[in-house]
Amino acid sequence: MLKLAIFDVDGTLIDSQALIIRAMEEAHDATAMPMPPRARVLSIVGLSLETAFMTLHPGLEAAALDALVHRYKATFTRLRASGVDDPPFYDGALDALARLERDGWLLGIATGKARRGLNHLLDRHGLHARFIATQTADDAPSKPHPGMVQNLLSATGVDTCAAVMIGDTSFDIEMGRAAGVRAVGVGWGYHPPEALHAAGADVVIQHYGDLDAALETALANAA
């Protein structure tokens, strides 16, 4: 039976908070908008950019939203190209990907990043071939809508009972469960473990070394 492990990116595979905060600060400064507290900003990581800004600033007018999005994208692209705050992979992440692939898992990505941002990351680290299919904010509605996971299931032909969503936010867990797949939360990202459990995570892990067993537990729960 084919098995599919679907990974979120920011807060799950890579620690991108420094880059996100810098881009947020510059976007807010440039548009004269009040910068929300750091914890509030990190709580919306994983949502598509437009949804994230609307969550941070309820009632935001269209022109202000467009200005924030434009400035954030421009700043993020500039910082990324310069290598400033290049986001590191979390300890054990790359080893876990290699191990799962070796053990017969298909690997996918469902991220709130834009397609250009994801391609940059995969190109930089030579990871395109590792993932059989990927979904970004350009391909489906923002998390927690199930569209990205549904698209991955369709692209790979994997049954819902053999797929697991892996992420650090309640948005990831809710997306997976809405699509009918099991979910594993990671406790090193942007939402606390209790929020991941409340969203429906089968297991929450604290180290990548625990991922293999957690995936098997999640699949057993689907049986």
N, C-alpha and C. Protein backbone atom coordinates (compact mmCIF):
# COMPACT_ATOMS: atom_id res chain seq x y z
N MET A 1 0.84 -1.19 0.00
CA MET A 1 0.00 0.00 0.00
C MET A 1 0.88 1.25 0.00
N LEU A 2 0.57 2.19 -0.89
CA LEU A 2 1.29 3.46 -0.92
C LEU A 2 0.97 4.27 0.34
N LYS A 3 1.99 4.90 0.91
CA LYS A 3 1.82 5.75 2.08
C LYS A 3 2.39 7.13 1.77
N LEU A 4 1.67 8.16 2.19
CA LEU A 4 2.06 9.53 1.87
C LEU A 4 2.23 10.35 3.15
N ALA A 5 3.42 10.90 3.35
CA ALA A 5 3.71 11.82 4.45
C ALA A 5 3.74 13.24 3.89
N ILE A 6 2.84 14.08 4.35
CA ILE A 6 2.70 15.45 3.83
C ILE A 6 3.27 16.42 4.86
N PHE A 7 4.25 17.20 4.46
CA PHE A 7 4.93 18.11 5.38
C PHE A 7 4.53 19.57 5.13
N ASP A 8 4.23 20.26 6.20
CA ASP A 8 4.27 21.71 6.20
C ASP A 8 5.75 22.12 6.11
N VAL A 9 6.01 23.40 5.85
CA VAL A 9 7.41 23.86 5.72
C VAL A 9 7.82 24.76 6.87
N ASP A 10 7.28 25.99 6.93
CA ASP A 10 7.70 26.95 7.95
C ASP A 10 7.25 26.48 9.33
N GLY A 11 8.20 26.33 10.23
CA GLY A 11 7.88 25.88 11.58
C GLY A 11 7.87 24.38 11.73
N THR A 12 7.95 23.66 10.60
CA THR A 12 7.96 22.19 10.63
C THR A 12 9.28 21.65 10.09
N LEU A 13 9.62 22.03 8.87
CA LEU A 13 10.90 21.64 8.29
C LEU A 13 11.99 22.68 8.53
N ILE A 14 11.64 23.96 8.40
CA ILE A 14 12.64 25.02 8.56
C ILE A 14 12.21 26.02 9.62
N ASP A 15 13.22 26.61 10.27
CA ASP A 15 13.00 27.64 11.29
C ASP A 15 13.14 29.00 10.62
N SER A 16 12.03 29.53 10.14
CA SER A 16 12.05 30.74 9.32
C SER A 16 11.57 31.97 10.07
N GLN A 17 11.46 31.89 11.40
CA GLN A 17 10.83 33.00 12.12
C GLN A 17 11.61 34.30 12.01
N ALA A 18 12.95 34.25 12.00
CA ALA A 18 13.72 35.49 11.92
C ALA A 18 13.45 36.22 10.61
N LEU A 19 13.38 35.46 9.52
CA LEU A 19 13.12 36.06 8.21
C LEU A 19 11.70 36.61 8.13
N ILE A 20 10.75 35.86 8.66
CA ILE A 20 9.35 36.30 8.64
C ILE A 20 9.17 37.58 9.45
N ILE A 21 9.76 37.64 10.64
CA ILE A 21 9.61 38.82 11.48
C ILE A 21 10.24 40.04 10.82
N ARG A 22 11.41 39.90 10.22
CA ARG A 22 12.06 41.03 9.56
C ARG A 22 11.21 41.54 8.40
N ALA A 23 10.65 40.62 7.60
CA ALA A 23 9.82 41.04 6.48
C ALA A 23 8.53 41.71 6.97
N MET A 24 7.97 41.19 8.05
CA MET A 24 6.77 41.79 8.63
C MET A 24 7.06 43.20 9.15
N GLU A 25 8.17 43.35 9.85
CA GLU A 25 8.52 44.67 10.39
C GLU A 25 8.70 45.69 9.27
N GLU A 26 9.40 45.31 8.21
CA GLU A 26 9.62 46.26 7.12
C GLU A 26 8.32 46.57 6.39
N ALA A 27 7.45 45.57 6.22
CA ALA A 27 6.18 45.81 5.55
C ALA A 27 5.32 46.77 6.35
N HIS A 28 5.28 46.58 7.67
CA HIS A 28 4.47 47.46 8.51
C HIS A 28 5.08 48.87 8.58
N ASP A 29 6.40 48.95 8.68
CA ASP A 29 7.03 50.27 8.71
C ASP A 29 6.77 51.04 7.42
N ALA A 30 6.89 50.36 6.30
CA ALA A 30 6.74 51.02 5.00
C ALA A 30 5.32 51.50 4.74
N THR A 31 4.35 50.84 5.35
CA THR A 31 2.95 51.19 5.12
C THR A 31 2.34 51.94 6.31
N ALA A 32 3.18 52.26 7.30
CA ALA A 32 2.73 52.99 8.49
C ALA A 32 1.61 52.27 9.23
N MET A 33 1.66 50.95 9.19
CA MET A 33 0.70 50.13 9.94
C MET A 33 1.34 49.69 11.24
N PRO A 34 0.56 49.56 12.31
CA PRO A 34 1.13 49.11 13.59
C PRO A 34 1.56 47.65 13.51
N MET A 35 2.77 47.38 13.95
CA MET A 35 3.29 46.02 13.95
C MET A 35 2.70 45.26 15.14
N PRO A 36 2.02 44.14 14.89
CA PRO A 36 1.49 43.35 15.99
C PRO A 36 2.61 42.74 16.82
N PRO A 37 2.32 42.29 18.03
CA PRO A 37 3.35 41.63 18.85
C PRO A 37 3.91 40.40 18.13
N ARG A 38 5.17 40.09 18.44
CA ARG A 38 5.86 38.99 17.79
C ARG A 38 5.07 37.69 17.89
N ALA A 39 4.56 37.39 19.09
CA ALA A 39 3.82 36.14 19.27
C ALA A 39 2.58 36.09 18.38
N ARG A 40 1.94 37.22 18.22
CA ARG A 40 0.76 37.29 17.36
C ARG A 40 1.13 37.04 15.90
N VAL A 41 2.23 37.61 15.46
CA VAL A 41 2.68 37.41 14.08
C VAL A 41 3.00 35.94 13.84
N LEU A 42 3.74 35.34 14.75
CA LEU A 42 4.13 33.94 14.56
C LEU A 42 2.93 33.00 14.61
N SER A 43 1.86 33.42 15.28
CA SER A 43 0.69 32.56 15.38
C SER A 43 -0.04 32.36 14.07
N ILE A 44 0.21 33.26 13.08
CA ILE A 44 -0.49 33.15 11.79
C ILE A 44 0.39 32.55 10.70
N VAL A 45 1.62 32.15 11.06
CA VAL A 45 2.49 31.52 10.07
C VAL A 45 1.82 30.23 9.58
N GLY A 46 1.82 30.06 8.27
CA GLY A 46 1.17 28.90 7.67
C GLY A 46 -0.04 29.27 6.85
N LEU A 47 -0.67 30.40 7.19
CA LEU A 47 -1.78 30.90 6.39
C LEU A 47 -1.23 31.55 5.12
N SER A 48 -2.06 31.62 4.09
CA SER A 48 -1.65 32.39 2.91
C SER A 48 -1.47 33.84 3.34
N LEU A 49 -0.65 34.59 2.61
CA LEU A 49 -0.26 35.92 3.04
C LEU A 49 -1.47 36.85 3.21
N GLU A 50 -2.38 36.83 2.25
CA GLU A 50 -3.56 37.69 2.35
C GLU A 50 -4.40 37.35 3.58
N THR A 51 -4.61 36.06 3.81
CA THR A 51 -5.39 35.63 4.97
C THR A 51 -4.67 35.99 6.26
N ALA A 52 -3.35 35.86 6.26
CA ALA A 52 -2.56 36.20 7.45
C ALA A 52 -2.73 37.67 7.81
N PHE A 53 -2.61 38.56 6.83
CA PHE A 53 -2.73 39.98 7.12
C PHE A 53 -4.16 40.34 7.55
N MET A 54 -5.15 39.71 6.96
CA MET A 54 -6.53 39.97 7.37
C MET A 54 -6.78 39.48 8.79
N THR A 55 -6.10 38.41 9.18
CA THR A 55 -6.22 37.91 10.55
C THR A 55 -5.55 38.85 11.53
N LEU A 56 -4.38 39.37 11.15
CA LEU A 56 -3.66 40.30 12.01
C LEU A 56 -4.37 41.64 12.12
N HIS A 57 -5.03 42.06 11.04
CA HIS A 57 -5.68 43.38 11.00
C HIS A 57 -7.12 43.23 10.51
N PRO A 58 -8.03 42.78 11.35
CA PRO A 58 -9.43 42.60 10.93
C PRO A 58 -10.01 43.91 10.38
N GLY A 59 -10.75 43.78 9.29
CA GLY A 59 -11.35 44.95 8.67
C GLY A 59 -10.42 45.74 7.79
N LEU A 60 -9.26 45.20 7.50
CA LEU A 60 -8.27 45.89 6.66
C LEU A 60 -8.85 46.18 5.28
N GLU A 61 -8.70 47.41 4.83
CA GLU A 61 -9.21 47.79 3.51
C GLU A 61 -8.32 47.19 2.42
N ALA A 62 -8.92 47.02 1.24
CA ALA A 62 -8.24 46.32 0.14
C ALA A 62 -6.92 46.99 -0.23
N ALA A 63 -6.91 48.32 -0.29
CA ALA A 63 -5.68 49.02 -0.69
C ALA A 63 -4.57 48.80 0.34
N ALA A 64 -4.92 48.85 1.60
CA ALA A 64 -3.92 48.63 2.65
C ALA A 64 -3.43 47.19 2.63
N LEU A 65 -4.34 46.25 2.38
CA LEU A 65 -3.95 44.85 2.28
C LEU A 65 -2.98 44.65 1.13
N ASP A 66 -3.30 45.21 -0.02
CA ASP A 66 -2.42 45.07 -1.18
C ASP A 66 -1.04 45.66 -0.91
N ALA A 67 -1.00 46.79 -0.22
CA ALA A 67 0.28 47.44 0.08
C ALA A 67 1.13 46.58 1.01
N LEU A 68 0.51 46.01 2.04
CA LEU A 68 1.24 45.15 2.97
C LEU A 68 1.77 43.90 2.26
N VAL A 69 0.92 43.28 1.47
CA VAL A 69 1.32 42.07 0.76
C VAL A 69 2.46 42.36 -0.19
N HIS A 70 2.34 43.44 -0.95
CA HIS A 70 3.39 43.80 -1.92
C HIS A 70 4.72 44.05 -1.21
N ARG A 71 4.68 44.84 -0.13
CA ARG A 71 5.92 45.18 0.55
C ARG A 71 6.52 43.95 1.23
N TYR A 72 5.69 43.11 1.82
CA TYR A 72 6.20 41.89 2.46
C TYR A 72 6.90 41.00 1.43
N LYS A 73 6.25 40.78 0.30
CA LYS A 73 6.84 39.92 -0.73
C LYS A 73 8.16 40.49 -1.22
N ALA A 74 8.19 41.80 -1.47
CA ALA A 74 9.40 42.43 -1.98
C ALA A 74 10.53 42.32 -0.95
N THR A 75 10.22 42.57 0.30
CA THR A 75 11.23 42.49 1.36
C THR A 75 11.71 41.06 1.54
N PHE A 76 10.78 40.12 1.58
CA PHE A 76 11.13 38.72 1.78
C PHE A 76 12.04 38.24 0.65
N THR A 77 11.70 38.61 -0.58
CA THR A 77 12.50 38.20 -1.73
C THR A 77 13.90 38.80 -1.65
N ARG A 78 14.00 40.06 -1.27
CA ARG A 78 15.31 40.71 -1.16
C ARG A 78 16.17 40.06 -0.08
N LEU A 79 15.59 39.82 1.08
CA LEU A 79 16.34 39.21 2.18
C LEU A 79 16.77 37.78 1.83
N ARG A 80 15.86 37.05 1.21
CA ARG A 80 16.17 35.67 0.83
C ARG A 80 17.31 35.63 -0.19
N ALA A 81 17.25 36.53 -1.18
CA ALA A 81 18.28 36.54 -2.22
C ALA A 81 19.64 36.92 -1.66
N SER A 82 19.64 37.74 -0.61
CA SER A 82 20.90 38.19 -0.03
C SER A 82 21.50 37.17 0.91
N GLY A 83 20.71 36.16 1.27
CA GLY A 83 21.19 35.15 2.20
C GLY A 83 21.07 35.56 3.65
N VAL A 84 20.48 36.74 3.91
CA VAL A 84 20.29 37.20 5.28
C VAL A 84 19.28 36.29 5.98
N ASP A 85 19.64 35.85 7.18
CA ASP A 85 18.74 35.01 7.96
C ASP A 85 18.25 33.80 7.17
N ASP A 86 19.14 33.17 6.41
CA ASP A 86 18.77 31.99 5.63
C ASP A 86 18.19 30.94 6.59
N PRO A 87 16.94 30.55 6.42
CA PRO A 87 16.30 29.68 7.41
C PRO A 87 16.96 28.29 7.48
N PRO A 88 17.37 27.86 8.65
CA PRO A 88 17.95 26.53 8.78
C PRO A 88 16.87 25.45 8.90
N PHE A 89 17.21 24.24 8.49
CA PHE A 89 16.33 23.11 8.76
C PHE A 89 16.44 22.74 10.24
N TYR A 90 15.33 22.31 10.81
CA TYR A 90 15.36 21.85 12.19
C TYR A 90 16.22 20.59 12.30
N ASP A 91 16.81 20.40 13.46
CA ASP A 91 17.65 19.23 13.70
C ASP A 91 16.89 17.95 13.38
N GLY A 92 17.50 17.13 12.54
CA GLY A 92 16.91 15.84 12.21
C GLY A 92 15.94 15.85 11.05
N ALA A 93 15.59 17.03 10.53
CA ALA A 93 14.57 17.10 9.47
C ALA A 93 15.04 16.40 8.19
N LEU A 94 16.22 16.73 7.73
CA LEU A 94 16.70 16.14 6.47
C LEU A 94 16.94 14.65 6.62
N ASP A 95 17.44 14.23 7.76
CA ASP A 95 17.63 12.80 8.00
C ASP A 95 16.29 12.08 8.00
N ALA A 96 15.27 12.70 8.57
CA ALA A 96 13.95 12.08 8.61
C ALA A 96 13.37 11.91 7.21
N LEU A 97 13.55 12.92 6.36
CA LEU A 97 13.06 12.82 4.99
C LEU A 97 13.73 11.66 4.26
N ALA A 98 15.06 11.57 4.41
CA ALA A 98 15.79 10.49 3.74
C ALA A 98 15.36 9.13 4.28
N ARG A 99 15.16 9.05 5.57
CA ARG A 99 14.78 7.78 6.20
C ARG A 99 13.38 7.33 5.76
N LEU A 100 12.45 8.26 5.72
CA LEU A 100 11.09 7.91 5.31
C LEU A 100 11.05 7.47 3.85
N GLU A 101 11.78 8.18 3.01
CA GLU A 101 11.83 7.80 1.60
C GLU A 101 12.42 6.41 1.44
N ARG A 102 13.47 6.14 2.18
CA ARG A 102 14.11 4.81 2.13
C ARG A 102 13.16 3.71 2.60
N ASP A 103 12.27 4.06 3.54
CA ASP A 103 11.33 3.09 4.09
C ASP A 103 10.05 2.97 3.27
N GLY A 104 10.01 3.62 2.11
CA GLY A 104 8.89 3.43 1.21
C GLY A 104 7.80 4.47 1.26
N TRP A 105 7.97 5.51 2.06
CA TRP A 105 6.98 6.58 2.10
C TRP A 105 7.12 7.48 0.88
N LEU A 106 5.99 7.90 0.32
CA LEU A 106 5.98 9.02 -0.62
C LEU A 106 5.96 10.30 0.21
N LEU A 107 6.64 11.33 -0.27
CA LEU A 107 6.73 12.58 0.48
C LEU A 107 6.08 13.71 -0.31
N GLY A 108 5.29 14.51 0.39
CA GLY A 108 4.63 15.66 -0.22
C GLY A 108 4.78 16.89 0.65
N ILE A 109 4.43 18.03 0.11
CA ILE A 109 4.47 19.29 0.83
C ILE A 109 3.15 20.01 0.66
N ALA A 110 2.65 20.59 1.76
CA ALA A 110 1.50 21.49 1.73
C ALA A 110 1.88 22.72 2.56
N THR A 111 2.12 23.83 1.89
CA THR A 111 2.67 25.00 2.57
C THR A 111 1.92 26.28 2.21
N GLY A 112 1.92 27.21 3.15
CA GLY A 112 1.36 28.52 2.88
C GLY A 112 2.29 29.41 2.08
N LYS A 113 3.51 28.94 1.80
CA LYS A 113 4.43 29.69 0.96
C LYS A 113 3.87 29.83 -0.46
N ALA A 114 4.34 30.85 -1.15
CA ALA A 114 4.07 30.95 -2.58
C ALA A 114 4.92 29.93 -3.32
N ARG A 115 4.52 29.60 -4.53
CA ARG A 115 5.27 28.63 -5.34
C ARG A 115 6.72 29.08 -5.54
N ARG A 116 6.93 30.36 -5.77
CA ARG A 116 8.29 30.85 -6.00
C ARG A 116 9.17 30.63 -4.76
N GLY A 117 8.61 30.87 -3.58
CA GLY A 117 9.37 30.69 -2.37
C GLY A 117 9.71 29.23 -2.11
N LEU A 118 8.75 28.35 -2.35
CA LEU A 118 9.02 26.93 -2.15
C LEU A 118 10.06 26.44 -3.14
N ASN A 119 9.94 26.84 -4.40
CA ASN A 119 10.92 26.41 -5.40
C ASN A 119 12.32 26.88 -5.04
N HIS A 120 12.42 28.10 -4.51
CA HIS A 120 13.73 28.61 -4.10
C HIS A 120 14.34 27.72 -3.01
N LEU A 121 13.53 27.35 -2.03
CA LEU A 121 14.02 26.49 -0.95
C LEU A 121 14.46 25.13 -1.47
N LEU A 122 13.62 24.51 -2.30
CA LEU A 122 13.95 23.18 -2.81
C LEU A 122 15.16 23.21 -3.74
N ASP A 123 15.26 24.27 -4.55
CA ASP A 123 16.43 24.41 -5.43
C ASP A 123 17.71 24.59 -4.61
N ARG A 124 17.64 25.42 -3.60
CA ARG A 124 18.82 25.75 -2.80
C ARG A 124 19.40 24.52 -2.11
N HIS A 125 18.51 23.60 -1.74
CA HIS A 125 18.97 22.42 -1.00
C HIS A 125 18.88 21.13 -1.80
N GLY A 126 18.59 21.23 -3.10
CA GLY A 126 18.57 20.05 -3.95
C GLY A 126 17.52 19.03 -3.54
N LEU A 127 16.34 19.50 -3.20
CA LEU A 127 15.32 18.61 -2.63
C LEU A 127 14.13 18.35 -3.56
N HIS A 128 14.14 18.89 -4.76
CA HIS A 128 12.98 18.73 -5.63
C HIS A 128 12.63 17.25 -5.83
N ALA A 129 13.64 16.43 -6.07
CA ALA A 129 13.38 15.02 -6.38
C ALA A 129 12.86 14.24 -5.19
N ARG A 130 13.03 14.78 -4.01
CA ARG A 130 12.62 14.05 -2.81
C ARG A 130 11.10 14.04 -2.64
N PHE A 131 10.43 15.06 -3.16
CA PHE A 131 8.99 15.20 -2.98
C PHE A 131 8.25 14.86 -4.26
N ILE A 132 7.31 13.94 -4.14
CA ILE A 132 6.57 13.48 -5.31
C ILE A 132 5.58 14.52 -5.79
N ALA A 133 5.07 15.35 -4.86
CA ALA A 133 4.09 16.38 -5.22
C ALA A 133 4.11 17.47 -4.16
N THR A 134 3.85 18.70 -4.57
CA THR A 134 3.85 19.83 -3.64
C THR A 134 2.66 20.73 -3.92
N GLN A 135 2.19 21.38 -2.86
CA GLN A 135 1.09 22.33 -2.96
C GLN A 135 1.47 23.59 -2.20
N THR A 136 1.13 24.74 -2.77
CA THR A 136 1.45 26.03 -2.17
C THR A 136 0.20 26.91 -2.11
N ALA A 137 0.40 28.12 -1.58
CA ALA A 137 -0.70 29.07 -1.51
C ALA A 137 -1.19 29.48 -2.90
N ASP A 138 -0.40 29.22 -3.94
CA ASP A 138 -0.81 29.54 -5.31
C ASP A 138 -1.70 28.45 -5.92
N ASP A 139 -1.81 27.31 -5.24
CA ASP A 139 -2.49 26.16 -5.83
C ASP A 139 -3.84 25.83 -5.24
N ALA A 140 -4.15 26.38 -4.06
CA ALA A 140 -5.39 26.01 -3.37
C ALA A 140 -5.71 27.09 -2.34
N PRO A 141 -6.92 27.09 -1.79
CA PRO A 141 -7.26 28.07 -0.75
C PRO A 141 -6.35 27.92 0.47
N SER A 142 -6.31 28.97 1.28
CA SER A 142 -5.47 28.98 2.47
C SER A 142 -5.88 27.89 3.45
N LYS A 143 -4.90 27.36 4.15
CA LYS A 143 -5.20 26.51 5.29
C LYS A 143 -6.14 27.27 6.23
N PRO A 144 -7.04 26.59 6.92
CA PRO A 144 -7.19 25.14 7.05
C PRO A 144 -8.12 24.48 6.02
N HIS A 145 -8.42 25.18 4.92
CA HIS A 145 -9.19 24.54 3.84
C HIS A 145 -8.45 23.27 3.41
N PRO A 146 -9.17 22.18 3.13
CA PRO A 146 -8.52 20.91 2.81
C PRO A 146 -7.97 20.79 1.40
N GLY A 147 -8.10 21.83 0.59
CA GLY A 147 -7.77 21.73 -0.83
C GLY A 147 -6.37 21.23 -1.14
N MET A 148 -5.37 21.72 -0.41
CA MET A 148 -4.00 21.30 -0.72
C MET A 148 -3.82 19.81 -0.50
N VAL A 149 -4.35 19.30 0.60
CA VAL A 149 -4.22 17.87 0.88
C VAL A 149 -5.03 17.06 -0.13
N GLN A 150 -6.21 17.51 -0.47
CA GLN A 150 -7.01 16.80 -1.47
C GLN A 150 -6.30 16.75 -2.81
N ASN A 151 -5.65 17.85 -3.19
CA ASN A 151 -4.90 17.86 -4.45
C ASN A 151 -3.74 16.88 -4.43
N LEU A 152 -3.06 16.77 -3.27
CA LEU A 152 -1.95 15.84 -3.15
C LEU A 152 -2.43 14.39 -3.23
N LEU A 153 -3.54 14.10 -2.59
CA LEU A 153 -4.10 12.75 -2.67
C LEU A 153 -4.47 12.40 -4.10
N SER A 154 -5.07 13.35 -4.80
CA SER A 154 -5.44 13.12 -6.19
C SER A 154 -4.22 12.91 -7.07
N ALA A 155 -3.17 13.71 -6.83
CA ALA A 155 -1.96 13.62 -7.66
C ALA A 155 -1.20 12.32 -7.45
N THR A 156 -1.26 11.78 -6.24
CA THR A 156 -0.46 10.59 -5.92
C THR A 156 -1.26 9.30 -5.97
N GLY A 157 -2.59 9.39 -5.91
CA GLY A 157 -3.41 8.20 -5.88
C GLY A 157 -3.42 7.49 -4.54
N VAL A 158 -2.97 8.17 -3.49
CA VAL A 158 -2.93 7.57 -2.15
C VAL A 158 -4.30 7.73 -1.49
N ASP A 159 -4.75 6.67 -0.81
CA ASP A 159 -6.01 6.72 -0.09
C ASP A 159 -5.88 7.58 1.17
N THR A 160 -6.99 8.14 1.62
CA THR A 160 -6.96 8.96 2.82
C THR A 160 -6.47 8.18 4.03
N CYS A 161 -6.76 6.89 4.08
CA CYS A 161 -6.36 6.08 5.23
C CYS A 161 -4.86 5.81 5.28
N ALA A 162 -4.14 6.18 4.22
CA ALA A 162 -2.70 5.92 4.15
C ALA A 162 -1.89 7.20 4.05
N ALA A 163 -2.50 8.32 4.40
CA ALA A 163 -1.82 9.61 4.32
C ALA A 163 -1.84 10.29 5.69
N VAL A 164 -0.76 11.02 5.99
CA VAL A 164 -0.63 11.72 7.26
C VAL A 164 -0.11 13.13 7.00
N MET A 165 -0.76 14.12 7.60
CA MET A 165 -0.31 15.50 7.55
C MET A 165 0.59 15.76 8.75
N ILE A 166 1.73 16.41 8.52
CA ILE A 166 2.70 16.70 9.57
C ILE A 166 2.91 18.21 9.62
N GLY A 167 2.58 18.83 10.76
CA GLY A 167 2.72 20.28 10.83
C GLY A 167 2.81 20.81 12.24
N ASP A 168 3.13 22.09 12.34
CA ASP A 168 3.36 22.72 13.64
C ASP A 168 2.24 23.62 14.10
N THR A 169 1.21 23.81 13.27
CA THR A 169 0.11 24.70 13.65
C THR A 169 -1.23 23.99 13.61
N SER A 170 -2.18 24.57 14.31
CA SER A 170 -3.55 24.03 14.27
C SER A 170 -4.10 24.10 12.86
N PHE A 171 -3.63 25.07 12.04
CA PHE A 171 -4.09 25.16 10.65
C PHE A 171 -3.73 23.90 9.87
N ASP A 172 -2.52 23.39 10.11
CA ASP A 172 -2.07 22.17 9.44
C ASP A 172 -2.92 20.97 9.86
N ILE A 173 -3.12 20.85 11.16
CA ILE A 173 -3.87 19.71 11.68
C ILE A 173 -5.31 19.76 11.20
N GLU A 174 -5.93 20.93 11.27
CA GLU A 174 -7.33 21.08 10.84
C GLU A 174 -7.46 20.81 9.34
N MET A 175 -6.49 21.25 8.55
CA MET A 175 -6.51 20.99 7.11
C MET A 175 -6.48 19.50 6.84
N GLY A 176 -5.55 18.80 7.49
CA GLY A 176 -5.45 17.36 7.28
C GLY A 176 -6.72 16.64 7.68
N ARG A 177 -7.24 16.96 8.85
CA ARG A 177 -8.43 16.26 9.32
C ARG A 177 -9.65 16.57 8.44
N ALA A 178 -9.73 17.82 7.94
CA ALA A 178 -10.83 18.18 7.04
C ALA A 178 -10.77 17.40 5.74
N ALA A 179 -9.54 17.02 5.33
CA ALA A 179 -9.37 16.23 4.11
C ALA A 179 -9.52 14.73 4.37
N GLY A 180 -9.70 14.35 5.62
CA GLY A 180 -9.93 12.94 5.94
C GLY A 180 -8.69 12.14 6.22
N VAL A 181 -7.52 12.83 6.43
CA VAL A 181 -6.29 12.10 6.73
C VAL A 181 -5.93 12.28 8.19
N ARG A 182 -5.01 11.46 8.69
CA ARG A 182 -4.55 11.57 10.06
C ARG A 182 -3.52 12.70 10.15
N ALA A 183 -3.14 13.06 11.37
CA ALA A 183 -2.26 14.21 11.54
C ALA A 183 -1.29 14.01 12.69
N VAL A 184 -0.05 14.43 12.46
CA VAL A 184 0.99 14.43 13.48
C VAL A 184 1.45 15.87 13.68
N GLY A 185 1.41 16.33 14.92
CA GLY A 185 1.88 17.66 15.24
C GLY A 185 3.33 17.64 15.68
N VAL A 186 4.06 18.73 15.42
CA VAL A 186 5.43 18.86 15.90
C VAL A 186 5.46 20.01 16.90
N GLY A 187 6.13 19.78 18.03
CA GLY A 187 6.06 20.72 19.14
C GLY A 187 7.10 21.81 19.13
N TRP A 188 7.89 21.93 18.05
CA TRP A 188 8.96 22.93 18.02
C TRP A 188 8.60 24.15 17.17
N GLY A 189 7.39 24.22 16.68
CA GLY A 189 7.02 25.30 15.77
C GLY A 189 6.28 26.44 16.44
N TYR A 190 5.21 26.94 15.79
CA TYR A 190 4.60 28.20 16.17
C TYR A 190 3.32 28.08 16.99
N HIS A 191 2.74 26.90 17.12
CA HIS A 191 1.57 26.70 17.98
C HIS A 191 1.94 25.69 19.07
N PRO A 192 1.45 25.88 20.29
CA PRO A 192 1.80 24.98 21.39
C PRO A 192 1.16 23.60 21.22
N PRO A 193 1.75 22.58 21.85
CA PRO A 193 1.21 21.21 21.73
C PRO A 193 -0.26 21.10 22.07
N GLU A 194 -0.71 21.84 23.10
CA GLU A 194 -2.13 21.72 23.48
C GLU A 194 -3.06 22.18 22.36
N ALA A 195 -2.61 23.18 21.57
CA ALA A 195 -3.43 23.63 20.43
C ALA A 195 -3.46 22.57 19.34
N LEU A 196 -2.35 21.86 19.15
CA LEU A 196 -2.30 20.80 18.14
C LEU A 196 -3.19 19.63 18.54
N HIS A 197 -3.15 19.25 19.81
CA HIS A 197 -4.04 18.19 20.28
C HIS A 197 -5.50 18.60 20.12
N ALA A 198 -5.81 19.85 20.49
CA ALA A 198 -7.19 20.33 20.39
C ALA A 198 -7.68 20.34 18.95
N ALA A 199 -6.78 20.57 18.01
CA ALA A 199 -7.15 20.60 16.59
C ALA A 199 -7.35 19.20 16.01
N GLY A 200 -6.91 18.16 16.74
CA GLY A 200 -7.15 16.80 16.28
C GLY A 200 -5.93 15.98 15.96
N ALA A 201 -4.73 16.43 16.39
CA ALA A 201 -3.52 15.66 16.12
C ALA A 201 -3.59 14.30 16.81
N ASP A 202 -3.22 13.25 16.08
CA ASP A 202 -3.15 11.92 16.67
C ASP A 202 -2.02 11.82 17.68
N VAL A 203 -0.88 12.44 17.33
CA VAL A 203 0.32 12.44 18.15
C VAL A 203 1.00 13.79 17.99
N VAL A 204 1.65 14.27 19.05
CA VAL A 204 2.51 15.45 18.95
C VAL A 204 3.91 15.03 19.39
N ILE A 205 4.90 15.27 18.53
CA ILE A 205 6.27 14.85 18.84
C ILE A 205 7.12 16.07 19.17
N GLN A 206 8.25 15.81 19.84
CA GLN A 206 9.18 16.88 20.22
C GLN A 206 10.53 16.76 19.52
N HIS A 207 10.75 15.65 18.81
CA HIS A 207 12.01 15.42 18.11
C HIS A 207 11.73 14.65 16.83
N TYR A 208 12.52 14.93 15.77
CA TYR A 208 12.31 14.22 14.51
C TYR A 208 12.59 12.73 14.64
N GLY A 209 13.38 12.34 15.63
CA GLY A 209 13.62 10.92 15.82
C GLY A 209 12.39 10.13 16.21
N ASP A 210 11.35 10.85 16.66
CA ASP A 210 10.10 10.19 17.06
C ASP A 210 9.07 10.14 15.93
N LEU A 211 9.43 10.68 14.76
CA LEU A 211 8.43 10.81 13.70
C LEU A 211 7.97 9.47 13.15
N ASP A 212 8.89 8.54 12.92
CA ASP A 212 8.53 7.27 12.29
C ASP A 212 7.45 6.54 13.09
N ALA A 213 7.67 6.45 14.40
CA ALA A 213 6.69 5.76 15.26
C ALA A 213 5.37 6.52 15.30
N ALA A 214 5.44 7.86 15.29
CA ALA A 214 4.23 8.66 15.31
C ALA A 214 3.40 8.46 14.05
N LEU A 215 4.06 8.34 12.91
CA LEU A 215 3.34 8.09 11.66
C LEU A 215 2.63 6.74 11.69
N GLU A 216 3.30 5.75 12.22
CA GLU A 216 2.67 4.43 12.30
C GLU A 216 1.49 4.44 13.26
N THR A 217 1.61 5.18 14.36
CA THR A 217 0.49 5.32 15.30
C THR A 217 -0.69 5.99 14.62
N ALA A 218 -0.40 7.07 13.85
CA ALA A 218 -1.47 7.78 13.15
C ALA A 218 -2.17 6.88 12.15
N LEU A 219 -1.41 6.08 11.39
CA LEU A 219 -2.03 5.18 10.42
C LEU A 219 -2.84 4.10 11.12
N ALA A 220 -2.37 3.64 12.27
CA ALA A 220 -3.13 2.64 13.01
C ALA A 220 -4.47 3.21 13.47
N ASN A 221 -4.49 4.49 13.80
CA ASN A 221 -5.74 5.13 14.18
C ASN A 221 -6.73 5.24 13.02
N ALA A 222 -6.17 5.23 11.80
CA ALA A 222 -7.03 5.31 10.60
C ALA A 222 -7.63 3.98 10.22
N ALA A 223 -7.06 2.92 10.75
CA ALA A 223 -7.49 1.56 10.36
C ALA A 223 -8.88 1.24 10.92
